[in-house]
Amino acid sequence: MIADGEEHRIELLAIKKNFTMRVDGGKARSMINDGEKDLLKLTTPLFVGGLPSTVASTALNLWHLRNSTSFHGT
């Protein structure tokens, strides 16, 4: 968790069901999508940042998020 109010570089890499994230050139963290879809197809812009509380609450209840306060975008 990074919550120091500073800017950070975030690298995201998605290849089929493998998703990898690295912050500030540090150790990469990966996860495998166990869902039925192989690709992320976007039909609307992707926003990377914090979530409004109502959206975060719903995402937490559906297990789409593990923590709704660990990432705040600006």
C-alpha atoms as a PDB file:
ATOM      1  CA  MET A   1       0.000   0.000   0.000  1.00  0.00           C
ATOM      2  CA  ILE A   2       1.360   3.401  -0.986  1.00  0.00           C
ATOM      3  CA  ALA A   3      -0.307   6.363   0.678  1.00  0.00           C
ATOM      4  CA  ASP A   4       2.395   9.015   0.908  1.00  0.00           C
ATOM      5  CA  GLY A   5       0.792  11.734  -1.234  1.00  0.00           C
ATOM      6  CA  GLU A   6       3.651  11.558  -3.764  1.00  0.00           C
ATOM      7  CA  GLU A   7       3.458  10.726  -7.466  1.00  0.00           C
ATOM      8  CA  HIS A   8       4.396   7.186  -8.470  1.00  0.00           C
ATOM      9  CA  ARG A   9       4.962   5.338 -11.729  1.00  0.00           C
ATOM     10  CA  ILE A  10       2.626   2.393 -12.212  1.00  0.00           C
ATOM     11  CA  GLU A  11       3.184  -0.161 -14.974  1.00  0.00           C
ATOM     12  CA  LEU A  12       0.301  -2.454 -15.940  1.00  0.00           C
ATOM     13  CA  LEU A  13       0.702  -5.399 -18.276  1.00  0.00           C
ATOM     14  CA  ALA A  14      -2.170  -7.633 -19.372  1.00  0.00           C
ATOM     15  CA  ILE A  15      -1.458 -10.677 -21.539  1.00  0.00           C
ATOM     16  CA  LYS A  16      -4.432 -13.005 -21.934  1.00  0.00           C
ATOM     17  CA  LYS A  17      -5.340 -14.119 -18.382  1.00  0.00           C
ATOM     18  CA  ASN A  18      -2.134 -12.840 -16.742  1.00  0.00           C
ATOM     19  CA  PHE A  19      -2.187  -9.343 -15.188  1.00  0.00           C
ATOM     20  CA  THR A  20       1.015  -7.802 -13.806  1.00  0.00           C
ATOM     21  CA  MET A  21       1.528  -4.525 -11.935  1.00  0.00           C
ATOM     22  CA  ARG A  22       4.780  -2.854 -10.906  1.00  0.00           C
ATOM     23  CA  VAL A  23       5.133   0.372  -8.892  1.00  0.00           C
ATOM     24  CA  ASP A  24       8.188   2.634  -9.244  1.00  0.00           C
ATOM     25  CA  GLY A  25      10.221  -0.083 -10.995  1.00  0.00           C
ATOM     26  CA  GLY A  26       9.960  -2.356  -7.949  1.00  0.00           C
ATOM     27  CA  LYS A  27       9.058  -6.021  -7.740  1.00  0.00           C
ATOM     28  CA  ALA A  28       6.308  -7.023 -10.177  1.00  0.00           C
ATOM     29  CA  ARG A  29       3.121  -8.544  -8.736  1.00  0.00           C
ATOM     30  CA  SER A  30       1.055 -10.828 -10.946  1.00  0.00           C
ATOM     31  CA  MET A  31      -2.333 -12.446 -10.791  1.00  0.00           C
ATOM     32  CA  ILE A  32      -4.147 -14.903 -13.042  1.00  0.00           C
ATOM     33  CA  ASN A  33      -7.715 -14.253 -14.138  1.00  0.00           C
ATOM     34  CA  ASP A  34      -9.676 -17.426 -13.415  1.00  0.00           C
ATOM     35  CA  GLY A  35     -12.738 -16.061 -15.202  1.00  0.00           C
ATOM     36  CA  GLU A  36     -14.123 -17.390 -18.456  1.00  0.00           C
ATOM     37  CA  LYS A  37     -12.935 -14.423 -20.575  1.00  0.00           C
ATOM     38  CA  ASP A  38      -9.368 -14.323 -21.901  1.00  0.00           C
ATOM     39  CA  LEU A  39      -9.208 -10.636 -22.822  1.00  0.00           C
ATOM     40  CA  LEU A  40     -10.214  -7.281 -21.396  1.00  0.00           C
ATOM     41  CA  LYS A  41     -12.274  -5.512 -24.038  1.00  0.00           C
ATOM     42  CA  LEU A  42     -13.066  -1.910 -23.159  1.00  0.00           C
ATOM     43  CA  THR A  43     -16.030  -0.074 -24.641  1.00  0.00           C
ATOM     44  CA  THR A  44     -15.620   2.985 -22.397  1.00  0.00           C
ATOM     45  CA  PRO A  45     -12.530   4.809 -21.107  1.00  0.00           C
ATOM     46  CA  LEU A  46     -10.583   3.050 -18.348  1.00  0.00           C
ATOM     47  CA  PHE A  47     -10.111   5.104 -15.173  1.00  0.00           C
ATOM     48  CA  VAL A  48      -7.230   4.168 -12.881  1.00  0.00           C
ATOM     49  CA  GLY A  49      -7.646   5.770  -9.498  1.00  0.00           C
ATOM     50  CA  GLY A  50      -9.837   5.882  -6.448  1.00  0.00           C
ATOM     51  CA  LEU A  51     -13.499   4.906  -6.589  1.00  0.00           C
ATOM     52  CA  PRO A  52     -16.616   6.733  -5.431  1.00  0.00           C
ATOM     53  CA  SER A  53     -17.829   5.137  -2.177  1.00  0.00           C
ATOM     54  CA  THR A  54     -20.991   3.664  -3.741  1.00  0.00           C
ATOM     55  CA  VAL A  55     -19.032   1.984  -6.549  1.00  0.00           C
ATOM     56  CA  ALA A  56     -16.364   0.759  -4.119  1.00  0.00           C
ATOM     57  CA  SER A  57     -18.997  -0.715  -1.818  1.00  0.00           C
ATOM     58  CA  THR A  58     -20.606  -2.665  -4.651  1.00  0.00           C
ATOM     59  CA  ALA A  59     -17.220  -3.868  -5.950  1.00  0.00           C
ATOM     60  CA  LEU A  60     -16.238  -5.057  -2.459  1.00  0.00           C
ATOM     61  CA  ASN A  61     -19.501  -6.972  -2.077  1.00  0.00           C
ATOM     62  CA  LEU A  62     -18.941  -8.691  -5.428  1.00  0.00           C
ATOM     63  CA  TRP A  63     -15.301  -9.538  -4.539  1.00  0.00           C
ATOM     64  CA  HIS A  64     -13.996  -7.344  -7.396  1.00  0.00           C
ATOM     65  CA  LEU A  65     -11.880  -5.477  -4.836  1.00  0.00           C
ATOM     66  CA  ARG A  66     -10.040  -6.661  -1.776  1.00  0.00           C
ATOM     67  CA  ASN A  67      -9.588  -3.149  -0.348  1.00  0.00           C
ATOM     68  CA  SER A  68     -11.454  -0.033  -1.486  1.00  0.00           C
ATOM     69  CA  THR A  69      -9.134   2.535   0.111  1.00  0.00           C
ATOM     70  CA  SER A  70      -5.651   1.386  -0.919  1.00  0.00           C
ATOM     71  CA  PHE A  71      -5.413   3.378  -4.172  1.00  0.00           C
ATOM     72  CA  HIS A  72      -6.270   7.060  -4.645  1.00  0.00           C
ATOM     73  CA  GLY A  73      -5.857   8.671  -8.045  1.00  0.00           C
ATOM     74  CA  THR A  74      -5.679  12.397  -8.715  1.00  0.00           C
END
